[in-house]
Amino acid sequence: MNADDLSEAAAPPPGLVTVAYFDERPGYAVRRPRGADSWLFTWTAAGSGLLRQGDAEVVAGPGDLVALGPGVPHRYGVADGAERWAFWWAHCQARTAWGAWLRPHLDGGRLYAVTPVPDAVRARIAAAFARVHADARWSGDGAPPAPDPSPEPGRVAVAHTAAARELALGGLEEAVLLAVSTTAGGRGASAGADPRVRRAEALIAADPGAPHTVESLAAQVSLSASRLAHLFSEQLGHTPMRALRDARLRHAARLLEATDLPVARVAAASGFASAFHFSRVFRERYGVPPGAYRRRVG
C-alpha cells in the first residue's frame, strides 16, 4: 500500500462514540496526517488490514484488536496481498482505565496490538461490538435496538445521547477487557510474571474496592504474605499495596467519569476509608482534585 493510494479522511469529533462494520476490498485506505483527537479501535473479523501509527505498524488478522491513541499521524487499509478486510471500528474517548489495560500491548507510536486473542472469547467480543453498534443508535425511547448478527457494511452509528454513549462505551469496554485479559502476548512487566502474581494482580483489578490485604491476596494464591510481597516487588517493580492503590484510583476515575456519585461515595466505593485521603492521593495521581477531574472530563 503506497502513500499515494491513501485518501485523507477527517476523524469523527472527539466527544462522540462512532462505530461501524466495514468489509473492504484491495485499494481501501485512509490517511490522517495529524492523527485523530479520539481513540480508534479496530476488531478484525476476516481478511487482514495494515495499520500504521507513527513508526509502529501491525498487520491485523481475524481476532486481532488494535487501538490507535490520539494525536499521532496514522493510516490504515487493506493489507498488501489480502483479498478483503472485514472489521469493526469505533472512535471514542477512551475511559481512563483502558490505558493501563492496553499498556502491555504497546508497539510504539500509541499503537496497541492485542493479539492473538484466544478463540474462546472471539465470539463474545464480536457480539460486544455488534451491541455497541445497536446501543449507539438508541434514542432513549423504549429498549435499545437489538444487535444485528449480520450488520450492513458501512452503516455508521453515532451515539448522540448521553445514555447511548455510556451504553456504547460499556460494550466497547467489555471487548477491550476481554481481549487484554485473555491475551498472553503483552509486553508489560506482568507478561512473564509468576502465575500466582498475575492471579493476585487479577484479583485486585476485578474488585479494587474490596478490603484486600497482602495476607488475603496471598491466601487466595496459596503463598505466604512475605513470599507474595517479595515476588510482586521483584517481578512487577512495586508492592501489592501500590498496585491496589493504583487500581483503586483508576476505579475512582471511572466512577467520576460515568456517575454523579458524591466524591465521598466514590471514595468509599473505591476502597478508600477516608475521603480526605482519597482526595489527596487522587490529586497526586491526576493533577487535580476529584471534583475538578469530573468537571474536566464531563
C-alpha atoms as a PDB file:
ATOM      1  CA  MET A   1       0.000   0.000   0.000  1.00  0.00           C
ATOM      2  CA  ASN A   2       1.626   3.261  -1.097  1.00  0.00           C
ATOM      3  CA  ALA A   3       1.087   6.661   0.439  1.00  0.00           C
ATOM      4  CA  ASP A   4      -0.090   7.901  -2.944  1.00  0.00           C
ATOM      5  CA  ASP A   5      -3.019   5.488  -2.785  1.00  0.00           C
ATOM      6  CA  LEU A   6      -4.279   6.767   0.528  1.00  0.00           C
ATOM      7  CA  SER A   7      -7.252   9.079   0.840  1.00  0.00           C
ATOM      8  CA  GLU A   8      -7.142  11.683   3.592  1.00  0.00           C
ATOM      9  CA  ALA A   9     -10.149  11.420   5.893  1.00  0.00           C
ATOM     10  CA  ALA A  10     -11.370  13.521   8.779  1.00  0.00           C
ATOM     11  CA  ALA A  11     -11.876  11.748  12.085  1.00  0.00           C
ATOM     12  CA  PRO A  12     -15.193  11.995  13.949  1.00  0.00           C
ATOM     13  CA  PRO A  13     -15.425  14.708  16.649  1.00  0.00           C
ATOM     14  CA  PRO A  14     -13.746  13.523  19.865  1.00  0.00           C
ATOM     15  CA  GLY A  15     -16.819  13.788  22.083  1.00  0.00           C
ATOM     16  CA  LEU A  16     -18.845  11.242  20.114  1.00  0.00           C
ATOM     17  CA  VAL A  17     -18.885   7.452  20.072  1.00  0.00           C
ATOM     18  CA  THR A  18     -18.932   6.404  16.420  1.00  0.00           C
ATOM     19  CA  VAL A  19     -18.991   2.769  15.321  1.00  0.00           C
ATOM     20  CA  ALA A  20     -19.427   0.807  12.098  1.00  0.00           C
ATOM     21  CA  TYR A  21     -18.707  -2.501  10.398  1.00  0.00           C
ATOM     22  CA  PHE A  22     -16.753  -2.328   7.134  1.00  0.00           C
ATOM     23  CA  ASP A  23     -15.987  -5.044   4.599  1.00  0.00           C
ATOM     24  CA  GLU A  24     -13.446  -3.572   2.194  1.00  0.00           C
ATOM     25  CA  ARG A  25     -11.516  -4.786  -0.828  1.00  0.00           C
ATOM     26  CA  PRO A  26      -7.949  -4.001  -2.001  1.00  0.00           C
ATOM     27  CA  GLY A  27      -7.426  -0.294  -2.552  1.00  0.00           C
ATOM     28  CA  TYR A  28      -9.327   0.820   0.530  1.00  0.00           C
ATOM     29  CA  ALA A  29      -7.110   3.007   2.710  1.00  0.00           C
ATOM     30  CA  VAL A  30      -7.370   6.026   4.996  1.00  0.00           C
ATOM     31  CA  ARG A  31      -4.663   8.530   5.909  1.00  0.00           C
ATOM     32  CA  ARG A  32      -4.756  11.112   8.718  1.00  0.00           C
ATOM     33  CA  PRO A  33      -1.522  13.163   8.723  1.00  0.00           C
ATOM     34  CA  ARG A  34      -2.447  14.787  12.026  1.00  0.00           C
ATOM     35  CA  GLY A  35      -3.948  11.701  13.600  1.00  0.00           C
ATOM     36  CA  ALA A  36      -7.264  11.972  15.406  1.00  0.00           C
ATOM     37  CA  ASP A  37      -8.483  13.691  18.565  1.00  0.00           C
ATOM     38  CA  SER A  38     -10.136  10.462  19.682  1.00  0.00           C
ATOM     39  CA  TRP A  39      -9.095   6.831  20.019  1.00  0.00           C
ATOM     40  CA  LEU A  40      -9.683   4.389  17.185  1.00  0.00           C
ATOM     41  CA  PHE A  41     -10.364   0.719  17.990  1.00  0.00           C
ATOM     42  CA  THR A  42     -10.484  -1.954  15.275  1.00  0.00           C
ATOM     43  CA  TRP A  43     -11.530  -5.592  15.601  1.00  0.00           C
ATOM     44  CA  THR A  44     -10.800  -7.730  12.546  1.00  0.00           C
ATOM     45  CA  ALA A  45     -13.458 -10.290  11.614  1.00  0.00           C
ATOM     46  CA  ALA A  46     -11.984 -11.583   8.327  1.00  0.00           C
ATOM     47  CA  GLY A  47      -9.119 -10.890   5.950  1.00  0.00           C
ATOM     48  CA  SER A  48      -6.359  -8.586   7.112  1.00  0.00           C
ATOM     49  CA  GLY A  49      -5.649  -4.912   7.500  1.00  0.00           C
ATOM     50  CA  LEU A  50      -2.451  -2.904   7.759  1.00  0.00           C
ATOM     51  CA  LEU A  51      -2.380  -0.191  10.431  1.00  0.00           C
ATOM     52  CA  ARG A  52       0.451   2.292  10.836  1.00  0.00           C
ATOM     53  CA  GLN A  53       0.790   4.940  13.517  1.00  0.00           C
ATOM     54  CA  GLY A  54       3.953   6.956  13.921  1.00  0.00           C
ATOM     55  CA  ASP A  55       6.795   4.478  13.494  1.00  0.00           C
ATOM     56  CA  ALA A  56       4.705   1.469  14.564  1.00  0.00           C
ATOM     57  CA  GLU A  57       2.997  -0.928  12.167  1.00  0.00           C
ATOM     58  CA  VAL A  58       0.876  -4.046  12.544  1.00  0.00           C
ATOM     59  CA  VAL A  59      -0.933  -6.393  10.188  1.00  0.00           C
ATOM     60  CA  ALA A  60      -4.226  -7.331  11.858  1.00  0.00           C
ATOM     61  CA  GLY A  61      -5.869 -10.655  11.148  1.00  0.00           C
ATOM     62  CA  PRO A  62      -9.086 -12.288  12.372  1.00  0.00           C
ATOM     63  CA  GLY A  63      -9.450 -11.901  16.118  1.00  0.00           C
ATOM     64  CA  ASP A  64      -6.941  -9.063  16.485  1.00  0.00           C
ATOM     65  CA  LEU A  65      -7.843  -5.925  18.443  1.00  0.00           C
ATOM     66  CA  VAL A  66      -5.802  -2.848  17.531  1.00  0.00           C
ATOM     67  CA  ALA A  67      -6.125   0.526  19.255  1.00  0.00           C
ATOM     68  CA  LEU A  68      -4.674   3.787  17.927  1.00  0.00           C
ATOM     69  CA  GLY A  69      -4.268   6.516  20.515  1.00  0.00           C
ATOM     70  CA  PRO A  70      -4.996  10.149  19.648  1.00  0.00           C
ATOM     71  CA  GLY A  71      -2.616  12.780  18.386  1.00  0.00           C
ATOM     72  CA  VAL A  72      -0.293  10.632  16.234  1.00  0.00           C
ATOM     73  CA  PRO A  73      -0.371  10.527  12.397  1.00  0.00           C
ATOM     74  CA  HIS A  74      -1.820   7.252  11.209  1.00  0.00           C
ATOM     75  CA  ARG A  75      -3.003   5.370   8.159  1.00  0.00           C
ATOM     76  CA  TYR A  76      -4.748   2.069   7.665  1.00  0.00           C
ATOM     77  CA  GLY A  77      -6.259  -0.046   4.937  1.00  0.00           C
ATOM     78  CA  VAL A  78      -6.480  -3.499   3.386  1.00  0.00           C
ATOM     79  CA  ALA A  79      -3.137  -5.244   3.813  1.00  0.00           C
ATOM     80  CA  ASP A  80      -0.974  -5.952   0.777  1.00  0.00           C
ATOM     81  CA  GLY A  81      -1.945  -9.283  -0.780  1.00  0.00           C
ATOM     82  CA  ALA A  82      -5.211  -9.570   1.169  1.00  0.00           C
ATOM     83  CA  GLU A  83      -8.471 -10.109  -0.695  1.00  0.00           C
ATOM     84  CA  ARG A  84     -10.522  -8.183   1.878  1.00  0.00           C
ATOM     85  CA  TRP A  85     -10.576  -6.613   5.300  1.00  0.00           C
ATOM     86  CA  ALA A  86     -13.799  -7.048   7.265  1.00  0.00           C
ATOM     87  CA  PHE A  87     -13.614  -5.206  10.565  1.00  0.00           C
ATOM     88  CA  TRP A  88     -15.430  -3.277  13.239  1.00  0.00           C
ATOM     89  CA  TRP A  89     -14.131   0.166  14.097  1.00  0.00           C
ATOM     90  CA  ALA A  90     -15.059   2.590  16.852  1.00  0.00           C
ATOM     91  CA  HIS A  91     -13.934   6.158  17.524  1.00  0.00           C
ATOM     92  CA  CYS A  92     -14.353   7.434  21.087  1.00  0.00           C
ATOM     93  CA  GLN A  93     -12.673   8.993  24.088  1.00  0.00           C
ATOM     94  CA  ALA A  94     -11.241   6.009  25.934  1.00  0.00           C
ATOM     95  CA  ARG A  95     -12.097   5.603  29.577  1.00  0.00           C
ATOM     96  CA  THR A  96      -9.199   6.199  31.950  1.00  0.00           C
ATOM     97  CA  ALA A  97      -8.749   2.564  32.942  1.00  0.00           C
ATOM     98  CA  TRP A  98      -8.295   1.395  29.349  1.00  0.00           C
ATOM     99  CA  GLY A  99      -4.852   2.943  29.010  1.00  0.00           C
ATOM    100  CA  ALA A 100      -3.481   0.799  31.825  1.00  0.00           C
ATOM    101  CA  TRP A 101      -5.098  -2.322  30.362  1.00  0.00           C
ATOM    102  CA  LEU A 102      -3.620  -1.658  26.924  1.00  0.00           C
ATOM    103  CA  ARG A 103      -0.154  -0.555  28.037  1.00  0.00           C
ATOM    104  CA  PRO A 104       1.412  -4.054  27.955  1.00  0.00           C
ATOM    105  CA  HIS A 105       0.429  -4.292  24.277  1.00  0.00           C
ATOM    106  CA  LEU A 106       2.100  -1.062  23.149  1.00  0.00           C
ATOM    107  CA  ASP A 107       4.022  -1.409  19.895  1.00  0.00           C
ATOM    108  CA  GLY A 108       5.089   2.245  19.832  1.00  0.00           C
ATOM    109  CA  GLY A 109       3.560   5.427  18.483  1.00  0.00           C
ATOM    110  CA  ARG A 110       0.494   4.923  20.715  1.00  0.00           C
ATOM    111  CA  LEU A 111      -0.409   1.840  18.673  1.00  0.00           C
ATOM    112  CA  TYR A 112      -1.599  -1.076  20.814  1.00  0.00           C
ATOM    113  CA  ALA A 113      -1.895  -4.536  19.235  1.00  0.00           C
ATOM    114  CA  VAL A 114      -3.779  -7.116  21.329  1.00  0.00           C
ATOM    115  CA  THR A 115      -3.019 -10.364  19.538  1.00  0.00           C
ATOM    116  CA  PRO A 116      -3.651 -13.218  19.313  1.00  0.00           C
ATOM    117  CA  VAL A 117      -6.960 -13.095  21.167  1.00  0.00           C
ATOM    118  CA  PRO A 118      -7.972 -16.686  22.111  1.00  0.00           C
ATOM    119  CA  ASP A 119     -10.714 -18.339  20.085  1.00  0.00           C
ATOM    120  CA  ALA A 120     -12.768 -18.874  23.249  1.00  0.00           C
ATOM    121  CA  VAL A 121     -13.634 -15.169  23.621  1.00  0.00           C
ATOM    122  CA  ARG A 122     -13.728 -14.007  19.987  1.00  0.00           C
ATOM    123  CA  ALA A 123     -17.451 -14.615  19.515  1.00  0.00           C
ATOM    124  CA  ARG A 124     -18.257 -12.632  22.646  1.00  0.00           C
ATOM    125  CA  ILE A 125     -16.023  -9.739  21.563  1.00  0.00           C
ATOM    126  CA  ALA A 126     -17.685  -9.685  18.138  1.00  0.00           C
ATOM    127  CA  ALA A 127     -21.072  -9.697  19.869  1.00  0.00           C
ATOM    128  CA  ALA A 128     -19.939  -6.796  22.074  1.00  0.00           C
ATOM    129  CA  PHE A 129     -19.111  -4.713  19.000  1.00  0.00           C
ATOM    130  CA  ALA A 130     -22.494  -5.550  17.480  1.00  0.00           C
ATOM    131  CA  ARG A 131     -24.143  -4.419  20.702  1.00  0.00           C
ATOM    132  CA  VAL A 132     -22.109  -1.176  20.675  1.00  0.00           C
ATOM    133  CA  HIS A 133     -23.440  -0.527  17.169  1.00  0.00           C
ATOM    134  CA  ALA A 134     -27.018  -1.107  18.334  1.00  0.00           C
ATOM    135  CA  ASP A 135     -26.719   0.862  21.580  1.00  0.00           C
ATOM    136  CA  ALA A 136     -25.209   3.839  19.762  1.00  0.00           C
ATOM    137  CA  ARG A 137     -28.455   4.140  17.774  1.00  0.00           C
ATOM    138  CA  TRP A 138     -30.668   4.226  20.865  1.00  0.00           C
ATOM    139  CA  SER A 139     -32.833   7.346  21.079  1.00  0.00           C
ATOM    140  CA  GLY A 140     -33.747   6.791  24.717  1.00  0.00           C
ATOM    141  CA  ASP A 141     -37.313   5.709  23.933  1.00  0.00           C
ATOM    142  CA  GLY A 142     -38.193   2.119  24.712  1.00  0.00           C
ATOM    143  CA  ALA A 143     -35.465  -0.512  24.649  1.00  0.00           C
ATOM    144  CA  PRO A 144     -32.272  -0.141  22.603  1.00  0.00           C
ATOM    145  CA  PRO A 145     -32.418  -1.832  19.190  1.00  0.00           C
ATOM    146  CA  ALA A 146     -31.382  -5.461  19.037  1.00  0.00           C
ATOM    147  CA  PRO A 147     -27.852  -6.137  17.773  1.00  0.00           C
ATOM    148  CA  ASP A 148     -27.719  -7.202  14.136  1.00  0.00           C
ATOM    149  CA  PRO A 149     -25.871 -10.529  13.760  1.00  0.00           C
ATOM    150  CA  SER A 150     -25.172  -9.647  10.100  1.00  0.00           C
ATOM    151  CA  PRO A 151     -24.534  -5.906  10.137  1.00  0.00           C
ATOM    152  CA  GLU A 152     -24.822  -3.882   6.970  1.00  0.00           C
ATOM    153  CA  PRO A 153     -21.282  -2.840   5.974  1.00  0.00           C
ATOM    154  CA  GLY A 154     -20.701   0.886   6.042  1.00  0.00           C
ATOM    155  CA  ARG A 155     -23.684   1.772   8.243  1.00  0.00           C
ATOM    156  CA  VAL A 156     -22.184   4.216  10.722  1.00  0.00           C
ATOM    157  CA  ALA A 157     -23.879   4.633  14.102  1.00  0.00           C
ATOM    158  CA  VAL A 158     -23.278   7.714  16.256  1.00  0.00           C
ATOM    159  CA  ALA A 159     -24.233   7.853  19.943  1.00  0.00           C
ATOM    160  CA  HIS A 160     -25.796  11.293  20.255  1.00  0.00           C
ATOM    161  CA  THR A 161     -27.393  10.971  23.699  1.00  0.00           C
ATOM    162  CA  ALA A 162     -25.553  10.574  26.992  1.00  0.00           C
ATOM    163  CA  ALA A 163     -27.326   7.283  27.722  1.00  0.00           C
ATOM    164  CA  ALA A 164     -26.490   5.839  24.309  1.00  0.00           C
ATOM    165  CA  ARG A 165     -22.893   6.963  24.680  1.00  0.00           C
ATOM    166  CA  GLU A 166     -22.456   5.300  28.083  1.00  0.00           C
ATOM    167  CA  LEU A 167     -24.079   2.066  26.899  1.00  0.00           C
ATOM    168  CA  ALA A 168     -21.855   2.006  23.825  1.00  0.00           C
ATOM    169  CA  LEU A 169     -18.735   2.671  25.899  1.00  0.00           C
ATOM    170  CA  GLY A 170     -19.759  -0.137  28.235  1.00  0.00           C
ATOM    171  CA  GLY A 171     -19.902  -2.586  25.350  1.00  0.00           C
ATOM    172  CA  LEU A 172     -16.566  -1.390  23.998  1.00  0.00           C
ATOM    173  CA  GLU A 173     -15.061  -1.693  27.452  1.00  0.00           C
ATOM    174  CA  GLU A 174     -16.228  -5.312  27.576  1.00  0.00           C
ATOM    175  CA  ALA A 175     -14.484  -6.010  24.264  1.00  0.00           C
ATOM    176  CA  VAL A 176     -11.237  -4.355  25.370  1.00  0.00           C
ATOM    177  CA  LEU A 177     -11.241  -6.041  28.765  1.00  0.00           C
ATOM    178  CA  LEU A 178     -11.923  -9.491  27.332  1.00  0.00           C
ATOM    179  CA  ALA A 179      -9.157  -9.073  24.779  1.00  0.00           C
ATOM    180  CA  VAL A 180      -6.445  -7.803  27.119  1.00  0.00           C
ATOM    181  CA  SER A 181      -7.371 -10.188  29.945  1.00  0.00           C
ATOM    182  CA  THR A 182      -7.119 -13.330  27.838  1.00  0.00           C
ATOM    183  CA  THR A 183      -4.180 -12.467  25.589  1.00  0.00           C
ATOM    184  CA  ALA A 184      -0.749 -13.578  26.741  1.00  0.00           C
ATOM    185  CA  GLY A 185       1.240 -11.577  24.212  1.00  0.00           C
ATOM    186  CA  GLY A 186       1.530  -8.399  26.269  1.00  0.00           C
ATOM    187  CA  ARG A 187       4.910  -6.757  26.525  1.00  0.00           C
ATOM    188  CA  GLY A 188       4.404  -5.364  30.020  1.00  0.00           C
ATOM    189  CA  ALA A 189       6.160  -6.414  33.199  1.00  0.00           C
ATOM    190  CA  SER A 190       3.423  -8.849  34.229  1.00  0.00           C
ATOM    191  CA  ALA A 191       3.521 -10.843  30.971  1.00  0.00           C
ATOM    192  CA  GLY A 192       6.320 -13.121  32.229  1.00  0.00           C
ATOM    193  CA  ALA A 193       5.481 -12.983  35.918  1.00  0.00           C
ATOM    194  CA  ASP A 194       4.759 -15.932  38.163  1.00  0.00           C
ATOM    195  CA  PRO A 195       1.160 -17.134  37.551  1.00  0.00           C
ATOM    196  CA  ARG A 196       0.380 -16.586  41.229  1.00  0.00           C
ATOM    197  CA  VAL A 197       1.497 -12.964  40.977  1.00  0.00           C
ATOM    198  CA  ARG A 198      -0.631 -12.478  37.873  1.00  0.00           C
ATOM    199  CA  ARG A 199      -3.564 -14.067  39.714  1.00  0.00           C
ATOM    200  CA  ALA A 200      -3.160 -11.668  42.641  1.00  0.00           C
ATOM    201  CA  GLU A 201      -2.971  -8.773  40.185  1.00  0.00           C
ATOM    202  CA  ALA A 202      -6.179 -10.008  38.519  1.00  0.00           C
ATOM    203  CA  LEU A 203      -7.957 -10.248  41.889  1.00  0.00           C
ATOM    204  CA  ILE A 204      -7.096  -6.613  42.571  1.00  0.00           C
ATOM    205  CA  ALA A 205      -8.235  -5.482  39.132  1.00  0.00           C
ATOM    206  CA  ALA A 206     -11.501  -7.419  39.349  1.00  0.00           C
ATOM    207  CA  ASP A 207     -12.629  -5.745  42.583  1.00  0.00           C
ATOM    208  CA  PRO A 208     -10.358  -2.875  43.640  1.00  0.00           C
ATOM    209  CA  GLY A 209     -12.868  -1.638  46.231  1.00  0.00           C
ATOM    210  CA  ALA A 210     -12.722  -4.881  48.218  1.00  0.00           C
ATOM    211  CA  PRO A 211     -10.835  -4.889  51.549  1.00  0.00           C
ATOM    212  CA  HIS A 212      -7.747  -6.565  50.108  1.00  0.00           C
ATOM    213  CA  THR A 213      -4.619  -7.014  52.190  1.00  0.00           C
ATOM    214  CA  VAL A 214      -1.338  -8.701  51.361  1.00  0.00           C
ATOM    215  CA  GLU A 215      -2.432 -11.528  53.649  1.00  0.00           C
ATOM    216  CA  SER A 216      -5.847 -12.007  51.985  1.00  0.00           C
ATOM    217  CA  LEU A 217      -4.359 -11.909  48.493  1.00  0.00           C
ATOM    218  CA  ALA A 218      -1.606 -14.345  49.474  1.00  0.00           C
ATOM    219  CA  ALA A 219      -4.126 -16.792  50.892  1.00  0.00           C
ATOM    220  CA  GLN A 220      -6.088 -16.791  47.637  1.00  0.00           C
ATOM    221  CA  VAL A 221      -2.993 -17.662  45.562  1.00  0.00           C
ATOM    222  CA  SER A 222      -1.529 -20.200  48.026  1.00  0.00           C
ATOM    223  CA  LEU A 223       1.500 -18.157  49.049  1.00  0.00           C
ATOM    224  CA  SER A 224       2.684 -16.671  52.311  1.00  0.00           C
ATOM    225  CA  ALA A 225       2.262 -12.917  52.609  1.00  0.00           C
ATOM    226  CA  SER A 226       6.021 -12.359  52.677  1.00  0.00           C
ATOM    227  CA  ARG A 227       6.567 -14.531  49.593  1.00  0.00           C
ATOM    228  CA  LEU A 228       3.833 -12.762  47.598  1.00  0.00           C
ATOM    229  CA  ALA A 229       5.210  -9.342  48.563  1.00  0.00           C
ATOM    230  CA  HIS A 230       8.709 -10.413  47.524  1.00  0.00           C
ATOM    231  CA  LEU A 231       7.621 -11.875  44.163  1.00  0.00           C
ATOM    232  CA  PHE A 232       5.385  -8.905  43.430  1.00  0.00           C
ATOM    233  CA  SER A 233       8.167  -6.369  44.037  1.00  0.00           C
ATOM    234  CA  GLU A 234      10.793  -8.463  42.264  1.00  0.00           C
ATOM    235  CA  GLN A 235       8.754  -9.188  39.130  1.00  0.00           C
ATOM    236  CA  LEU A 236       6.495  -6.140  38.777  1.00  0.00           C
ATOM    237  CA  GLY A 237       8.649  -3.456  40.379  1.00  0.00           C
ATOM    238  CA  HIS A 238       6.092  -2.396  43.001  1.00  0.00           C
ATOM    239  CA  THR A 239       4.337  -3.772  46.063  1.00  0.00           C
ATOM    240  CA  PRO A 240       0.874  -5.369  46.121  1.00  0.00           C
ATOM    241  CA  MET A 241      -0.446  -2.395  48.087  1.00  0.00           C
ATOM    242  CA  ARG A 242       0.899   0.014  45.489  1.00  0.00           C
ATOM    243  CA  ALA A 243      -0.892  -1.994  42.807  1.00  0.00           C
ATOM    244  CA  LEU A 244      -4.062  -1.891  44.911  1.00  0.00           C
ATOM    245  CA  ARG A 245      -3.871   1.881  45.380  1.00  0.00           C
ATOM    246  CA  ASP A 246      -3.347   2.433  41.646  1.00  0.00           C
ATOM    247  CA  ALA A 247      -6.278   0.144  40.799  1.00  0.00           C
ATOM    248  CA  ARG A 248      -8.496   1.978  43.277  1.00  0.00           C
ATOM    249  CA  LEU A 249      -7.567   5.331  41.771  1.00  0.00           C
ATOM    250  CA  ARG A 250      -8.363   4.076  38.265  1.00  0.00           C
ATOM    251  CA  HIS A 251     -11.694   2.735  39.531  1.00  0.00           C
ATOM    252  CA  ALA A 252     -12.463   6.071  41.192  1.00  0.00           C
ATOM    253  CA  ALA A 253     -11.663   7.951  37.984  1.00  0.00           C
ATOM    254  CA  ARG A 254     -14.069   5.682  36.131  1.00  0.00           C
ATOM    255  CA  LEU A 255     -16.827   6.395  38.671  1.00  0.00           C
ATOM    256  CA  LEU A 256     -16.203  10.136  38.425  1.00  0.00           C
ATOM    257  CA  GLU A 257     -16.455   9.919  34.644  1.00  0.00           C
ATOM    258  CA  ALA A 258     -19.566   7.769  34.449  1.00  0.00           C
ATOM    259  CA  THR A 259     -21.656   8.588  37.541  1.00  0.00           C
ATOM    260  CA  ASP A 260     -22.937  11.519  39.597  1.00  0.00           C
ATOM    261  CA  LEU A 261     -21.998   9.905  42.911  1.00  0.00           C
ATOM    262  CA  PRO A 262     -20.724  12.370  45.544  1.00  0.00           C
ATOM    263  CA  VAL A 263     -16.958  12.323  45.983  1.00  0.00           C
ATOM    264  CA  ALA A 264     -17.277  10.722  49.422  1.00  0.00           C
ATOM    265  CA  ARG A 265     -19.321   7.876  47.913  1.00  0.00           C
ATOM    266  CA  VAL A 266     -16.789   7.455  45.119  1.00  0.00           C
ATOM    267  CA  ALA A 267     -14.027   7.217  47.719  1.00  0.00           C
ATOM    268  CA  ALA A 268     -15.884   4.566  49.721  1.00  0.00           C
ATOM    269  CA  ALA A 269     -16.861   2.554  46.621  1.00  0.00           C
ATOM    270  CA  SER A 270     -13.213   2.546  45.531  1.00  0.00           C
ATOM    271  CA  GLY A 271     -11.944   1.197  48.841  1.00  0.00           C
ATOM    272  CA  PHE A 272     -10.726   4.415  50.498  1.00  0.00           C
ATOM    273  CA  ALA A 273     -11.672   4.699  54.163  1.00  0.00           C
ATOM    274  CA  SER A 274     -11.107   8.464  54.223  1.00  0.00           C
ATOM    275  CA  ALA A 275     -12.498  10.917  51.665  1.00  0.00           C
ATOM    276  CA  PHE A 276      -9.759  13.387  52.646  1.00  0.00           C
ATOM    277  CA  HIS A 277      -7.017  10.821  51.987  1.00  0.00           C
ATOM    278  CA  PHE A 278      -8.697   9.860  48.729  1.00  0.00           C
ATOM    279  CA  SER A 279      -8.781  13.466  47.508  1.00  0.00           C
ATOM    280  CA  ARG A 280      -5.113  13.931  48.371  1.00  0.00           C
ATOM    281  CA  VAL A 281      -3.813  10.817  46.575  1.00  0.00           C
ATOM    282  CA  PHE A 282      -6.188  11.379  43.641  1.00  0.00           C
ATOM    283  CA  ARG A 283      -4.731  14.866  43.144  1.00  0.00           C
ATOM    284  CA  GLU A 284      -1.210  13.480  43.331  1.00  0.00           C
ATOM    285  CA  ARG A 285      -2.061  10.976  40.598  1.00  0.00           C
ATOM    286  CA  TYR A 286      -4.214  13.049  38.218  1.00  0.00           C
ATOM    287  CA  GLY A 287      -3.048  16.590  38.972  1.00  0.00           C
ATOM    288  CA  VAL A 288      -6.479  17.884  40.045  1.00  0.00           C
ATOM    289  CA  PRO A 289      -8.940  17.115  42.871  1.00  0.00           C
ATOM    290  CA  PRO A 290     -11.757  14.634  42.170  1.00  0.00           C
ATOM    291  CA  GLY A 291     -14.388  17.329  41.641  1.00  0.00           C
ATOM    292  CA  ALA A 292     -12.233  19.223  39.162  1.00  0.00           C
ATOM    293  CA  TYR A 293     -11.437  15.973  37.333  1.00  0.00           C
ATOM    294  CA  ARG A 294     -15.147  15.264  36.932  1.00  0.00           C
ATOM    295  CA  ARG A 295     -15.789  18.746  35.539  1.00  0.00           C
ATOM    296  CA  ARG A 296     -12.859  18.431  33.137  1.00  0.00           C
ATOM    297  CA  VAL A 297     -13.912  15.088  31.649  1.00  0.00           C
ATOM    298  CA  GLY A 298     -17.615  15.893  31.789  1.00  0.00           C
END
